[in-house]
N, C-alpha and C. Protein backbone atom coordinates (compact mmCIF):
# COMPACT_ATOMS: atom_id res chain seq x y z
N MET A 1 57.84 249.72 55.33
CA MET A 1 57.96 248.32 54.44
C MET A 1 58.65 247.24 55.18
N ILE A 2 59.90 247.44 55.54
CA ILE A 2 60.71 246.74 56.07
C ILE A 2 60.15 246.13 57.45
N ASN A 3 59.74 246.98 58.22
CA ASN A 3 59.05 246.53 59.51
C ASN A 3 57.96 245.39 59.32
N LYS A 4 56.94 245.65 58.39
CA LYS A 4 55.97 244.82 58.12
C LYS A 4 56.48 243.35 57.69
N LYS A 5 57.55 243.42 56.85
CA LYS A 5 58.22 242.07 56.42
C LYS A 5 58.77 241.38 57.58
N ILE A 6 59.51 242.19 58.40
CA ILE A 6 60.02 241.63 59.76
C ILE A 6 58.89 240.93 60.64
N VAL A 7 57.92 241.64 60.81
CA VAL A 7 56.70 241.18 61.60
C VAL A 7 56.07 240.07 60.87
N ALA A 8 55.96 239.98 59.62
CA ALA A 8 55.45 238.90 58.88
C ALA A 8 56.39 237.61 59.14
N ILE A 9 57.51 237.82 58.95
CA ILE A 9 58.39 236.73 59.03
C ILE A 9 58.47 236.16 60.52
N ILE A 10 58.42 236.96 61.47
CA ILE A 10 58.46 236.57 62.89
C ILE A 10 57.17 235.82 63.24
N SER A 11 56.09 236.55 62.67
CA SER A 11 54.86 235.74 62.74
C SER A 11 54.70 234.41 62.27
N ILE A 12 55.25 234.06 61.21
CA ILE A 12 55.29 232.75 60.69
C ILE A 12 56.16 231.91 61.36
N LEU A 13 57.33 232.25 61.68
CA LEU A 13 58.15 231.55 62.57
C LEU A 13 57.57 231.23 63.85
N PHE A 14 56.89 232.08 64.51
CA PHE A 14 56.20 231.99 65.80
C PHE A 14 55.11 230.84 65.65
N LEU A 15 54.40 230.88 64.40
CA LEU A 15 53.29 229.91 64.07
C LEU A 15 53.96 228.49 63.85
N ILE A 16 54.96 228.48 63.21
CA ILE A 16 55.85 227.16 63.14
C ILE A 16 56.05 226.48 64.41
N LEU A 17 56.96 227.27 65.26
CA LEU A 17 57.23 226.75 66.57
C LEU A 17 56.26 226.56 67.57
N LEU A 18 54.96 227.18 67.28
CA LEU A 18 53.83 226.85 68.05
C LEU A 18 53.17 225.49 67.81
N THR A 19 53.10 225.31 66.39
CA THR A 19 52.55 224.13 65.79
C THR A 19 53.68 222.86 66.28
N ILE A 20 54.77 223.00 65.94
CA ILE A 20 55.69 221.99 66.54
C ILE A 20 55.58 221.60 67.97
N GLY A 21 55.56 222.68 68.65
CA GLY A 21 55.61 222.50 70.29
C GLY A 21 54.32 221.74 70.49
N CYS A 22 53.01 222.12 69.94
CA CYS A 22 51.80 221.46 70.23
C CYS A 22 51.93 220.11 69.94
N ALA A 23 52.44 219.56 68.82
CA ALA A 23 52.48 218.47 68.23
C ALA A 23 53.38 217.57 69.09
N GLU A 24 54.57 218.13 69.69
CA GLU A 24 55.29 217.34 70.51
C GLU A 24 54.64 217.32 71.96
N PHE A 25 53.91 218.14 72.55
CA PHE A 25 53.09 218.02 73.76
C PHE A 25 52.20 217.23 73.73
N GLN A 26 51.40 216.90 72.36
CA GLN A 26 50.34 216.08 72.17
C GLN A 26 51.01 214.59 72.40
N MET A 27 52.17 214.29 71.72
CA MET A 27 52.76 212.95 71.73
C MET A 27 53.15 212.57 73.13
N GLN A 28 53.79 213.40 73.76
CA GLN A 28 54.20 213.27 75.32
C GLN A 28 52.97 213.03 76.08
N SER A 29 52.00 213.87 75.92
CA SER A 29 50.88 213.83 76.85
C SER A 29 50.01 212.77 76.92
N ASN A 30 49.84 212.10 75.64
CA ASN A 30 49.13 210.86 75.47
C ASN A 30 49.81 209.81 76.35
N SER A 31 50.94 209.41 76.15
CA SER A 31 51.61 208.20 76.91
C SER A 31 51.70 208.85 78.45
N ASN A 32 51.93 209.91 78.77
CA ASN A 32 51.93 210.20 80.12
C ASN A 32 50.66 210.22 80.88
N SER A 33 49.53 210.65 79.99
CA SER A 33 48.15 210.55 80.50
C SER A 33 47.89 208.93 80.80
N LEU A 34 48.46 207.88 80.60
CA LEU A 34 48.17 206.68 81.05
C LEU A 34 48.56 206.38 82.38
N ILE A 35 49.44 207.24 82.93
CA ILE A 35 49.87 206.97 84.25
C ILE A 35 48.65 207.09 85.38
N GLY A 36 48.45 206.16 86.22
CA GLY A 36 47.37 206.25 87.15
C GLY A 36 46.76 204.88 87.15
N THR A 37 45.57 204.85 87.78
CA THR A 37 44.69 203.69 87.90
C THR A 37 43.45 203.83 87.10
N TRP A 38 43.11 202.65 86.17
CA TRP A 38 41.98 202.67 85.31
C TRP A 38 41.19 201.37 85.63
N GLU A 39 39.87 201.45 85.61
CA GLU A 39 39.09 200.31 85.84
C GLU A 39 37.99 200.13 84.62
N SER A 40 37.68 198.88 84.27
CA SER A 40 36.66 198.55 83.35
C SER A 40 35.39 198.49 84.15
N GLY A 41 34.14 198.34 83.39
CA GLY A 41 32.91 198.19 84.00
C GLY A 41 33.00 196.81 84.34
N ILE A 42 31.97 195.99 84.60
CA ILE A 42 31.84 194.68 84.97
C ILE A 42 32.20 193.91 83.63
N VAL A 43 32.81 192.85 83.71
CA VAL A 43 33.14 192.09 82.53
C VAL A 43 32.70 190.70 82.64
N ASP A 44 31.97 190.08 81.73
CA ASP A 44 31.40 188.58 81.84
C ASP A 44 30.52 188.51 83.06
N GLY A 45 29.88 189.66 83.60
CA GLY A 45 29.09 189.36 84.72
C GLY A 45 29.64 189.39 86.14
N ALA A 46 30.95 189.16 86.16
CA ALA A 46 31.65 188.69 87.42
C ALA A 46 33.01 189.59 87.64
N TRP A 47 33.58 190.21 86.84
CA TRP A 47 35.00 190.74 87.09
C TRP A 47 35.01 192.22 86.78
N ILE A 48 35.89 192.88 87.52
CA ILE A 48 36.44 194.24 87.13
C ILE A 48 37.97 194.20 86.79
N HIS A 49 38.36 194.71 85.75
CA HIS A 49 39.62 194.67 85.24
C HIS A 49 40.27 196.17 85.82
N HIS A 50 41.21 196.11 86.73
CA HIS A 50 41.85 197.15 87.30
C HIS A 50 43.27 197.24 86.70
N LYS A 51 43.69 198.45 86.25
CA LYS A 51 44.98 198.60 85.85
C LYS A 51 45.49 199.89 86.33
N THR A 52 46.76 199.54 86.71
CA THR A 52 47.61 200.73 87.32
C THR A 52 48.91 200.87 86.53
N PHE A 53 49.06 202.17 85.85
CA PHE A 53 50.29 202.38 85.29
C PHE A 53 51.10 203.31 85.96
N TYR A 54 52.43 202.90 86.31
CA TYR A 54 53.24 203.76 87.08
C TYR A 54 54.31 204.74 86.27
N ALA A 55 54.71 205.71 86.66
CA ALA A 55 55.70 206.54 85.94
C ALA A 55 56.95 206.05 85.63
N ASP A 56 57.36 205.01 86.44
CA ASP A 56 58.59 204.32 86.30
C ASP A 56 58.63 203.28 85.25
N GLY A 57 57.38 203.10 84.60
CA GLY A 57 57.39 202.12 83.53
C GLY A 57 56.83 200.71 83.91
N THR A 58 56.56 200.55 85.06
CA THR A 58 55.90 199.27 85.58
C THR A 58 54.45 199.27 85.63
N PHE A 59 53.70 198.30 85.67
CA PHE A 59 52.27 198.27 85.72
C PHE A 59 51.93 196.97 86.71
N ASN A 60 50.67 197.29 87.08
CA ASN A 60 49.96 196.18 87.86
C ASN A 60 48.62 196.07 87.40
N TRP A 61 48.31 194.79 86.80
CA TRP A 61 46.75 194.68 86.54
C TRP A 61 46.24 193.60 87.31
N GLN A 62 44.87 193.88 87.88
CA GLN A 62 44.13 192.79 88.49
C GLN A 62 42.82 192.47 87.97
N TRP A 63 42.40 191.36 88.24
CA TRP A 63 41.05 190.87 87.83
C TRP A 63 40.38 190.91 89.27
N LEU A 64 39.39 191.67 89.60
CA LEU A 64 38.72 191.73 90.77
C LEU A 64 37.22 191.14 90.74
N TYR A 65 36.92 190.43 91.66
CA TYR A 65 35.59 189.94 91.89
C TYR A 65 34.60 191.24 91.93
N HIS A 66 33.63 191.43 91.13
CA HIS A 66 32.88 192.90 91.29
C HIS A 66 32.30 192.97 92.38
N ASP A 67 31.82 191.88 93.11
CA ASP A 67 30.78 192.04 94.36
C ASP A 67 31.62 192.38 95.54
N THR A 68 32.77 191.80 95.82
CA THR A 68 33.67 191.90 96.95
C THR A 68 34.97 192.74 96.64
N ARG A 69 35.28 193.11 95.45
CA ARG A 69 36.47 193.60 94.95
C ARG A 69 37.76 193.19 95.38
N THR A 70 37.78 191.81 96.00
CA THR A 70 38.81 191.06 96.13
C THR A 70 39.55 190.53 94.99
N THR A 71 40.80 190.26 95.03
CA THR A 71 41.61 189.95 93.88
C THR A 71 41.45 188.53 93.31
N TYR A 72 41.03 188.21 92.25
CA TYR A 72 41.20 186.99 91.58
C TYR A 72 42.57 186.45 91.06
N SER A 73 43.04 187.49 90.18
CA SER A 73 44.42 187.41 89.79
C SER A 73 45.10 188.63 89.60
N THR A 74 46.42 188.58 89.48
CA THR A 74 47.33 189.79 89.19
C THR A 74 48.40 189.42 88.25
N THR A 75 48.70 190.35 87.41
CA THR A 75 49.81 190.43 86.50
C THR A 75 50.63 191.68 86.70
N THR A 76 51.98 191.51 86.74
CA THR A 76 52.82 192.78 86.78
C THR A 76 53.75 192.65 85.65
N GLY A 77 54.34 193.75 85.34
CA GLY A 77 55.48 193.86 84.21
C GLY A 77 55.89 195.34 84.04
N THR A 78 56.27 195.48 82.84
CA THR A 78 56.59 196.85 82.38
C THR A 78 55.76 197.28 81.16
N TRP A 79 55.61 198.67 81.01
CA TRP A 79 54.78 199.11 79.77
C TRP A 79 55.70 200.34 79.27
N SER A 80 55.21 200.45 77.98
CA SER A 80 55.79 201.70 77.21
C SER A 80 54.65 202.12 76.24
N ALA A 81 54.69 203.14 75.78
CA ALA A 81 53.46 203.68 74.90
C ALA A 81 54.28 204.94 74.07
N ASP A 82 53.69 205.00 72.93
CA ASP A 82 53.94 206.00 72.02
C ASP A 82 52.51 206.74 71.79
N GLU A 83 52.30 207.63 70.66
CA GLU A 83 51.07 208.26 70.60
C GLU A 83 49.93 207.19 70.06
N THR A 84 50.20 206.04 69.76
CA THR A 84 49.32 205.07 69.16
C THR A 84 49.23 203.96 69.83
N TYR A 85 50.35 203.20 70.28
CA TYR A 85 50.35 201.97 70.86
C TYR A 85 50.87 201.90 72.19
N LEU A 86 50.27 200.92 72.93
CA LEU A 86 50.53 200.65 74.35
C LEU A 86 51.17 199.19 74.32
N THR A 87 52.56 199.05 74.83
CA THR A 87 53.02 197.71 74.80
C THR A 87 53.32 197.38 76.22
N VAL A 88 52.88 196.00 76.77
CA VAL A 88 53.04 195.68 78.12
C VAL A 88 53.91 194.22 77.96
N VAL A 89 54.77 194.17 78.86
CA VAL A 89 55.63 193.04 78.97
C VAL A 89 55.29 192.37 80.36
N SER A 90 55.03 191.10 80.31
CA SER A 90 54.98 190.41 81.75
C SER A 90 55.62 189.00 81.44
N ASP A 91 54.96 187.83 81.36
CA ASP A 91 55.61 186.66 80.93
C ASP A 91 55.43 186.56 79.35
N HIS A 92 54.79 187.48 78.64
CA HIS A 92 54.81 187.63 77.38
C HIS A 92 54.47 189.08 76.93
N THR A 93 54.51 189.40 75.77
CA THR A 93 54.24 190.78 75.29
C THR A 93 52.86 190.87 74.37
N ASP A 94 52.30 191.95 75.09
CA ASP A 94 51.08 192.38 74.36
C ASP A 94 50.98 193.79 73.86
N ARG A 95 50.38 193.90 72.81
CA ARG A 95 50.33 195.41 72.07
C ARG A 95 48.91 195.69 71.83
N TYR A 96 48.58 196.93 72.25
CA TYR A 96 47.13 197.41 72.11
C TYR A 96 47.17 198.86 71.46
N THR A 97 46.16 199.12 70.74
CA THR A 97 46.14 200.56 70.30
C THR A 97 45.25 201.22 71.65
N TYR A 98 45.53 202.47 71.74
CA TYR A 98 44.71 203.08 72.83
C TYR A 98 44.33 204.54 72.21
N GLN A 99 43.09 205.01 72.90
CA GLN A 99 42.46 206.20 72.30
C GLN A 99 41.93 206.67 73.77
N PHE A 100 41.93 208.07 74.00
CA PHE A 100 41.31 208.67 75.03
C PHE A 100 40.09 209.30 74.36
N ILE A 101 38.89 208.79 74.86
CA ILE A 101 37.69 209.26 74.57
C ILE A 101 37.39 210.65 75.26
N ASP A 102 37.73 210.81 76.52
CA ASP A 102 38.06 212.09 77.12
C ASP A 102 39.03 211.64 78.10
N TYR A 103 39.38 212.73 79.10
CA TYR A 103 40.51 212.77 79.99
C TYR A 103 40.37 211.64 80.80
N ASP A 104 39.10 211.05 81.43
CA ASP A 104 39.07 210.10 82.26
C ASP A 104 38.47 208.95 81.60
N THR A 105 38.40 208.67 80.42
CA THR A 105 37.83 207.43 79.56
C THR A 105 39.02 207.00 78.54
N LEU A 106 39.48 205.83 78.60
CA LEU A 106 40.39 205.22 77.76
C LEU A 106 39.90 203.94 77.12
N GLN A 107 40.01 203.74 75.73
CA GLN A 107 39.64 202.70 75.01
C GLN A 107 40.91 201.90 74.55
N LEU A 108 40.94 200.71 75.06
CA LEU A 108 42.06 199.81 74.71
C LEU A 108 41.46 198.94 73.54
N THR A 109 42.26 198.62 72.47
CA THR A 109 41.81 197.64 71.42
C THR A 109 42.94 196.78 71.16
N TRP A 110 42.60 195.52 71.11
CA TRP A 110 43.59 194.46 70.66
C TRP A 110 42.94 193.48 69.61
N GLU A 111 43.74 192.55 69.01
CA GLU A 111 43.16 191.71 68.02
C GLU A 111 42.12 190.88 68.67
N GLY A 112 40.89 191.21 68.13
CA GLY A 112 39.68 190.44 68.74
C GLY A 112 38.83 191.00 69.61
N GLY A 113 39.25 192.22 70.05
CA GLY A 113 38.32 192.89 71.16
C GLY A 113 38.67 194.29 71.52
N SER A 114 37.95 194.82 72.46
CA SER A 114 38.35 196.30 72.83
C SER A 114 37.57 196.37 74.22
N ARG A 115 38.08 197.27 75.15
CA ARG A 115 37.44 197.39 76.42
C ARG A 115 37.52 198.93 76.65
N THR A 116 36.70 199.59 77.35
CA THR A 116 36.68 200.81 77.99
C THR A 116 37.15 200.87 79.41
N TYR A 117 38.03 201.82 79.81
CA TYR A 117 38.34 201.99 81.09
C TYR A 117 38.11 203.35 81.59
N TYR A 118 37.94 203.47 82.78
CA TYR A 118 37.68 204.90 83.38
C TYR A 118 38.69 205.15 84.47
N ARG A 119 39.31 206.28 84.37
CA ARG A 119 40.15 206.71 85.40
C ARG A 119 39.51 206.75 86.76
N GLN A 120 40.48 206.31 87.75
CA GLN A 120 39.91 206.03 89.32
C GLN A 120 40.52 207.24 90.03
């Protein structure tokens, strides 16, 4: 009888620890999953938006001509993210909500719009 109670208590504790660990992993893995290079499809018929997030908290964003892939403009700065929001700081601060459609597809949403990016 005592053994069954001990097993039940240990099982419940294990389940609680597993749940907490999964939630913590999910929060960490979302922002860490942003690290790397992402590209939009063609925007306004002429541009590709190319975003690179580095593990040190810096970023490089480029607008590329879609036909030659040469750089039209570049923005650099710092970034941070939690499980919902991406904040980027360059000469000003922007805040986006982000959602992974799947491992290689990212949806950024801001006031007035949204764009899909694909892992490169």
